[in-house]
């Protein structure tokens, strides 16, 4: 769904949409979910993975801003407001709002998934 939204809303060319996922995320154990993580135990010796997923550093607004500036084909940012796979990781105050503001600024869908 995020990719279809991107094509209409941002004019991203077919097969060039990128969805960002934060470090230390957990979206499940399917091949697609595993391809969106940075945990070697979930992606080493597995695949092929779904194309178009990239990782950004969780809780680092400036790293996210840089990626959004550099790649106009980013159509969505998926975050977990509280991460649970690597322990209970809480973001800095204002992080979720800053992600929301960046997504608005760059015309990117924000997807919030809770643990």
N, C-alpha and C. Protein backbone atom coordinates (compact mmCIF):
# COMPACT_ATOMS: atom_id res chain seq x y z
N UNK A 1 0.82 -1.19 0.00
CA UNK A 1 0.00 0.00 0.00
C UNK A 1 0.86 1.25 0.00
N UNK A 2 1.93 1.27 0.77
CA UNK A 2 2.78 2.46 0.84
C UNK A 2 3.36 2.77 -0.52
N UNK A 3 3.75 1.76 -1.26
CA UNK A 3 4.35 2.00 -2.57
C UNK A 3 3.33 2.58 -3.54
N UNK A 4 2.08 2.08 -3.55
CA UNK A 4 1.07 2.64 -4.44
C UNK A 4 0.80 4.09 -4.10
N UNK A 5 0.74 4.40 -2.81
CA UNK A 5 0.54 5.77 -2.36
C UNK A 5 1.66 6.66 -2.90
N UNK A 6 2.89 6.19 -2.85
CA UNK A 6 4.03 6.97 -3.30
C UNK A 6 3.95 7.30 -4.78
N UNK A 7 3.55 6.34 -5.58
CA UNK A 7 3.49 6.59 -7.01
C UNK A 7 2.52 7.72 -7.31
N UNK A 8 1.38 7.73 -6.66
CA UNK A 8 0.39 8.77 -6.92
C UNK A 8 0.78 10.09 -6.29
N UNK A 9 1.22 10.06 -5.05
CA UNK A 9 1.45 11.28 -4.30
C UNK A 9 2.76 11.97 -4.62
N UNK A 10 3.81 11.20 -4.85
CA UNK A 10 5.14 11.77 -5.07
C UNK A 10 5.64 11.62 -6.48
N UNK A 11 5.02 10.80 -7.27
CA UNK A 11 5.51 10.59 -8.63
C UNK A 11 6.76 9.73 -8.68
N UNK A 12 6.92 8.83 -7.72
CA UNK A 12 8.08 7.93 -7.72
C UNK A 12 7.92 6.95 -8.88
N UNK A 13 8.97 6.78 -9.67
CA UNK A 13 8.87 5.84 -10.80
C UNK A 13 8.63 4.40 -10.32
N UNK A 14 7.97 3.63 -11.17
CA UNK A 14 7.73 2.22 -10.87
C UNK A 14 9.03 1.52 -10.48
N UNK A 15 8.94 0.69 -9.46
CA UNK A 15 10.05 -0.14 -8.97
C UNK A 15 11.22 0.64 -8.41
N UNK A 16 11.01 1.91 -8.02
CA UNK A 16 12.08 2.69 -7.44
C UNK A 16 11.73 3.22 -6.05
N UNK A 17 10.56 2.87 -5.53
CA UNK A 17 10.15 3.34 -4.21
C UNK A 17 11.02 2.71 -3.12
N UNK A 18 11.32 3.51 -2.10
CA UNK A 18 12.14 3.07 -0.98
C UNK A 18 11.34 3.30 0.30
N UNK A 19 11.37 2.31 1.18
CA UNK A 19 10.75 2.43 2.50
C UNK A 19 11.86 2.31 3.53
N UNK A 20 11.88 3.25 4.49
CA UNK A 20 12.92 3.27 5.52
C UNK A 20 12.44 2.58 6.79
N UNK A 21 13.36 1.84 7.41
CA UNK A 21 13.12 1.17 8.67
C UNK A 21 14.26 1.52 9.63
N UNK A 22 13.97 1.67 10.92
CA UNK A 22 15.03 2.02 11.87
C UNK A 22 15.87 0.81 12.28
N UNK A 23 17.08 1.09 12.75
CA UNK A 23 17.92 0.04 13.33
C UNK A 23 17.19 -0.59 14.51
N UNK A 24 17.53 -1.83 14.79
CA UNK A 24 16.98 -2.59 15.94
C UNK A 24 15.47 -2.75 15.89
N UNK A 25 14.89 -2.73 14.69
CA UNK A 25 13.44 -2.89 14.58
C UNK A 25 13.05 -4.37 14.63
N UNK A 26 11.76 -4.59 14.82
CA UNK A 26 11.22 -5.94 14.71
C UNK A 26 9.85 -5.85 14.06
N UNK A 27 9.71 -6.46 12.88
CA UNK A 27 8.45 -6.45 12.15
C UNK A 27 7.90 -7.85 11.97
N UNK A 28 8.60 -8.84 12.45
CA UNK A 28 8.14 -10.21 12.28
C UNK A 28 9.28 -11.07 11.78
N UNK A 29 8.95 -12.31 11.40
CA UNK A 29 9.98 -13.25 10.99
C UNK A 29 9.82 -13.73 9.55
N UNK A 30 8.97 -13.06 8.79
CA UNK A 30 8.85 -13.44 7.37
C UNK A 30 10.10 -12.97 6.62
N UNK A 31 10.27 -13.46 5.41
CA UNK A 31 11.41 -13.03 4.59
C UNK A 31 11.34 -11.52 4.37
N UNK A 32 10.16 -11.00 4.10
CA UNK A 32 10.04 -9.56 3.87
C UNK A 32 10.40 -8.78 5.13
N UNK A 33 9.87 -9.17 6.28
CA UNK A 33 10.18 -8.47 7.52
C UNK A 33 11.66 -8.60 7.87
N UNK A 34 12.22 -9.74 7.66
CA UNK A 34 13.64 -9.93 7.98
C UNK A 34 14.53 -9.08 7.09
N UNK A 35 14.11 -8.83 5.86
CA UNK A 35 14.88 -7.99 4.96
C UNK A 35 14.85 -6.53 5.33
N UNK A 36 14.00 -6.17 6.28
CA UNK A 36 13.89 -4.77 6.71
C UNK A 36 14.56 -4.56 8.06
N UNK A 37 15.45 -5.47 8.46
CA UNK A 37 16.07 -5.36 9.77
C UNK A 37 17.59 -5.33 9.65
N UNK A 38 18.23 -5.07 10.77
CA UNK A 38 19.70 -5.07 10.80
C UNK A 38 20.24 -6.13 11.76
N UNK A 39 19.42 -7.11 12.09
CA UNK A 39 19.82 -8.20 12.98
C UNK A 39 20.39 -9.34 12.13
N UNK A 40 21.71 -9.58 12.20
CA UNK A 40 22.32 -10.61 11.35
C UNK A 40 21.70 -11.99 11.51
N UNK A 41 21.17 -12.30 12.69
CA UNK A 41 20.57 -13.62 12.88
C UNK A 41 19.29 -13.79 12.07
N UNK A 42 18.73 -12.68 11.60
CA UNK A 42 17.51 -12.75 10.81
C UNK A 42 17.75 -12.56 9.33
N UNK A 43 18.92 -12.07 8.92
CA UNK A 43 19.13 -11.91 7.49
C UNK A 43 20.33 -12.67 6.92
N UNK A 44 21.29 -13.07 7.75
CA UNK A 44 22.39 -13.88 7.22
C UNK A 44 21.87 -15.25 6.82
N UNK A 45 22.27 -15.70 5.64
CA UNK A 45 21.91 -17.01 5.11
C UNK A 45 20.42 -17.17 4.81
N UNK A 46 19.72 -16.05 4.62
CA UNK A 46 18.32 -16.06 4.21
C UNK A 46 18.17 -15.22 2.95
N UNK A 47 16.97 -15.19 2.40
CA UNK A 47 16.70 -14.35 1.24
C UNK A 47 16.19 -15.21 0.10
N UNK A 48 15.90 -14.63 -1.02
CA UNK A 48 16.08 -13.22 -1.34
C UNK A 48 15.05 -12.35 -0.61
N UNK A 49 15.45 -11.12 -0.37
CA UNK A 49 14.61 -10.19 0.37
C UNK A 49 13.87 -9.25 -0.57
N UNK A 50 12.84 -8.65 -0.06
CA UNK A 50 12.08 -7.65 -0.80
C UNK A 50 12.97 -6.44 -1.07
N UNK A 51 12.99 -5.99 -2.30
CA UNK A 51 13.80 -4.82 -2.66
C UNK A 51 13.14 -3.53 -2.14
N UNK A 52 13.95 -2.50 -2.00
CA UNK A 52 13.42 -1.18 -1.68
C UNK A 52 13.37 -0.83 -0.21
N UNK A 53 14.02 -1.63 0.64
CA UNK A 53 14.06 -1.33 2.07
C UNK A 53 15.46 -0.82 2.42
N UNK A 54 15.51 0.25 3.20
CA UNK A 54 16.78 0.77 3.70
C UNK A 54 16.64 1.05 5.19
N UNK A 55 17.77 1.04 5.88
CA UNK A 55 17.82 1.21 7.33
C UNK A 55 18.36 2.60 7.68
N UNK A 56 17.74 3.23 8.66
CA UNK A 56 18.27 4.47 9.23
C UNK A 56 18.43 4.27 10.73
N UNK A 57 19.25 5.09 11.36
CA UNK A 57 19.52 4.95 12.79
C UNK A 57 18.32 5.43 13.61
N UNK A 58 17.79 4.52 14.41
CA UNK A 58 16.67 4.84 15.29
C UNK A 58 17.05 5.99 16.22
N UNK A 59 16.14 6.90 16.43
CA UNK A 59 16.29 8.01 17.38
C UNK A 59 17.29 9.06 16.89
N UNK A 60 17.65 9.04 15.62
CA UNK A 60 18.59 10.00 15.05
C UNK A 60 17.87 10.80 13.96
N UNK A 61 17.27 11.91 14.36
CA UNK A 61 16.47 12.72 13.45
C UNK A 61 17.32 13.26 12.30
N UNK A 62 18.54 13.65 12.59
CA UNK A 62 19.39 14.22 11.53
C UNK A 62 19.78 13.17 10.49
N UNK A 63 20.02 11.95 10.92
CA UNK A 63 20.31 10.87 9.96
C UNK A 63 19.11 10.63 9.05
N UNK A 64 17.92 10.65 9.62
CA UNK A 64 16.71 10.49 8.82
C UNK A 64 16.55 11.66 7.86
N UNK A 65 16.76 12.87 8.34
CA UNK A 65 16.65 14.06 7.49
C UNK A 65 17.61 13.95 6.28
N UNK A 66 18.82 13.53 6.54
CA UNK A 66 19.81 13.39 5.48
C UNK A 66 19.34 12.39 4.42
N UNK A 67 18.84 11.25 4.86
CA UNK A 67 18.36 10.24 3.90
C UNK A 67 17.19 10.77 3.07
N UNK A 68 16.28 11.48 3.72
CA UNK A 68 15.12 12.02 3.00
C UNK A 68 15.55 13.08 1.99
N UNK A 69 16.54 13.87 2.34
CA UNK A 69 17.05 14.89 1.40
C UNK A 69 17.74 14.25 0.20
N UNK A 70 18.48 13.17 0.45
CA UNK A 70 19.30 12.57 -0.60
C UNK A 70 18.53 11.68 -1.56
N UNK A 71 17.38 11.16 -1.14
CA UNK A 71 16.67 10.21 -2.00
C UNK A 71 15.21 10.61 -2.15
N UNK A 72 14.84 11.21 -3.28
CA UNK A 72 13.45 11.63 -3.49
C UNK A 72 12.49 10.45 -3.69
N UNK A 73 13.02 9.23 -3.81
CA UNK A 73 12.17 8.06 -3.99
C UNK A 73 11.74 7.40 -2.69
N UNK A 74 12.13 7.99 -1.56
CA UNK A 74 11.64 7.47 -0.27
C UNK A 74 10.17 7.82 -0.17
N UNK A 75 9.35 6.80 0.03
CA UNK A 75 7.90 7.02 0.07
C UNK A 75 7.30 6.78 1.44
N UNK A 76 8.04 6.09 2.34
CA UNK A 76 7.49 5.79 3.65
C UNK A 76 8.60 5.61 4.67
N UNK A 77 8.28 5.95 5.91
CA UNK A 77 9.17 5.72 7.05
C UNK A 77 8.35 4.94 8.07
N UNK A 78 8.83 3.75 8.41
CA UNK A 78 8.17 2.92 9.41
C UNK A 78 8.93 3.06 10.72
N UNK A 79 8.24 3.39 11.78
CA UNK A 79 8.90 3.45 13.08
C UNK A 79 8.08 2.70 14.11
N UNK A 80 8.76 2.25 15.13
CA UNK A 80 8.11 1.74 16.33
C UNK A 80 8.35 2.81 17.39
N UNK A 81 7.31 3.47 17.88
CA UNK A 81 7.53 4.51 18.89
C UNK A 81 8.31 4.00 20.11
N UNK A 82 8.06 2.76 20.51
CA UNK A 82 8.85 2.10 21.55
C UNK A 82 9.32 0.78 20.95
N UNK A 83 10.63 0.57 20.93
CA UNK A 83 11.14 -0.67 20.36
C UNK A 83 11.28 -1.73 21.45
N UNK A 84 11.00 -2.98 21.08
CA UNK A 84 11.03 -4.03 22.08
C UNK A 84 11.94 -5.20 21.79
N UNK A 85 12.41 -5.36 20.55
CA UNK A 85 13.20 -6.53 20.20
C UNK A 85 14.58 -6.53 20.87
N UNK A 86 15.21 -5.38 20.95
CA UNK A 86 16.55 -5.27 21.53
C UNK A 86 16.49 -4.76 22.97
N UNK A 87 15.38 -5.01 23.66
CA UNK A 87 15.12 -4.45 24.98
C UNK A 87 14.07 -3.36 24.81
N UNK A 88 13.63 -2.77 25.88
CA UNK A 88 12.67 -1.68 25.79
C UNK A 88 13.47 -0.41 25.53
N UNK A 89 13.37 0.09 24.30
CA UNK A 89 14.13 1.26 23.90
C UNK A 89 13.16 2.41 23.67
N UNK A 90 13.29 3.44 24.49
CA UNK A 90 12.44 4.62 24.36
C UNK A 90 13.19 5.70 23.61
N UNK A 91 12.52 6.40 22.70
CA UNK A 91 13.19 7.47 21.97
C UNK A 91 13.30 8.72 22.84
N UNK A 92 14.15 9.63 22.39
CA UNK A 92 14.25 10.93 23.05
C UNK A 92 12.93 11.66 22.97
N UNK A 93 12.68 12.55 23.91
CA UNK A 93 11.49 13.39 23.85
C UNK A 93 11.47 14.14 22.52
N UNK A 94 10.34 14.15 21.88
CA UNK A 94 10.18 14.88 20.63
C UNK A 94 10.54 14.11 19.38
N UNK A 95 11.09 12.91 19.53
CA UNK A 95 11.53 12.13 18.37
C UNK A 95 10.38 11.79 17.43
N UNK A 96 9.30 11.25 17.96
CA UNK A 96 8.19 10.83 17.10
C UNK A 96 7.59 12.03 16.37
N UNK A 97 7.45 13.15 17.06
CA UNK A 97 6.94 14.36 16.42
C UNK A 97 7.90 14.85 15.34
N UNK A 98 9.19 14.78 15.61
CA UNK A 98 10.18 15.20 14.61
C UNK A 98 10.10 14.32 13.37
N UNK A 99 9.91 13.01 13.56
CA UNK A 99 9.76 12.11 12.41
C UNK A 99 8.50 12.49 11.63
N UNK A 100 7.42 12.74 12.36
CA UNK A 100 6.16 13.14 11.71
C UNK A 100 6.37 14.41 10.89
N UNK A 101 7.06 15.39 11.48
CA UNK A 101 7.30 16.67 10.79
C UNK A 101 8.15 16.47 9.54
N UNK A 102 9.18 15.62 9.62
CA UNK A 102 10.01 15.34 8.45
C UNK A 102 9.19 14.65 7.36
N UNK A 103 8.36 13.72 7.75
CA UNK A 103 7.53 13.02 6.77
C UNK A 103 6.60 13.99 6.06
N UNK A 104 6.05 14.93 6.79
CA UNK A 104 5.20 15.95 6.18
C UNK A 104 6.03 16.82 5.23
N UNK A 105 7.18 17.27 5.69
CA UNK A 105 8.04 18.13 4.88
C UNK A 105 8.44 17.47 3.56
N UNK A 106 8.74 16.17 3.59
CA UNK A 106 9.23 15.48 2.41
C UNK A 106 8.15 14.67 1.69
N UNK A 107 6.88 14.87 2.08
CA UNK A 107 5.76 14.18 1.46
C UNK A 107 5.94 12.67 1.49
N UNK A 108 6.18 12.16 2.69
CA UNK A 108 6.47 10.73 2.93
C UNK A 108 5.44 10.19 3.91
N UNK A 109 4.94 9.01 3.66
CA UNK A 109 4.01 8.35 4.55
C UNK A 109 4.74 7.92 5.82
N UNK A 110 4.19 8.24 6.99
CA UNK A 110 4.76 7.76 8.26
C UNK A 110 3.88 6.61 8.73
N UNK A 111 4.53 5.49 9.03
CA UNK A 111 3.83 4.32 9.55
C UNK A 111 4.35 4.06 10.95
N UNK A 112 3.48 4.10 11.94
CA UNK A 112 3.86 3.83 13.33
C UNK A 112 3.32 2.46 13.72
N UNK A 113 4.24 1.57 14.10
CA UNK A 113 3.88 0.22 14.49
C UNK A 113 4.35 0.02 15.91
N UNK A 114 3.49 -0.45 16.76
CA UNK A 114 3.84 -0.63 18.17
C UNK A 114 4.24 -2.07 18.43
N UNK A 115 5.08 -2.25 19.46
CA UNK A 115 5.50 -3.59 19.85
C UNK A 115 4.34 -4.36 20.42
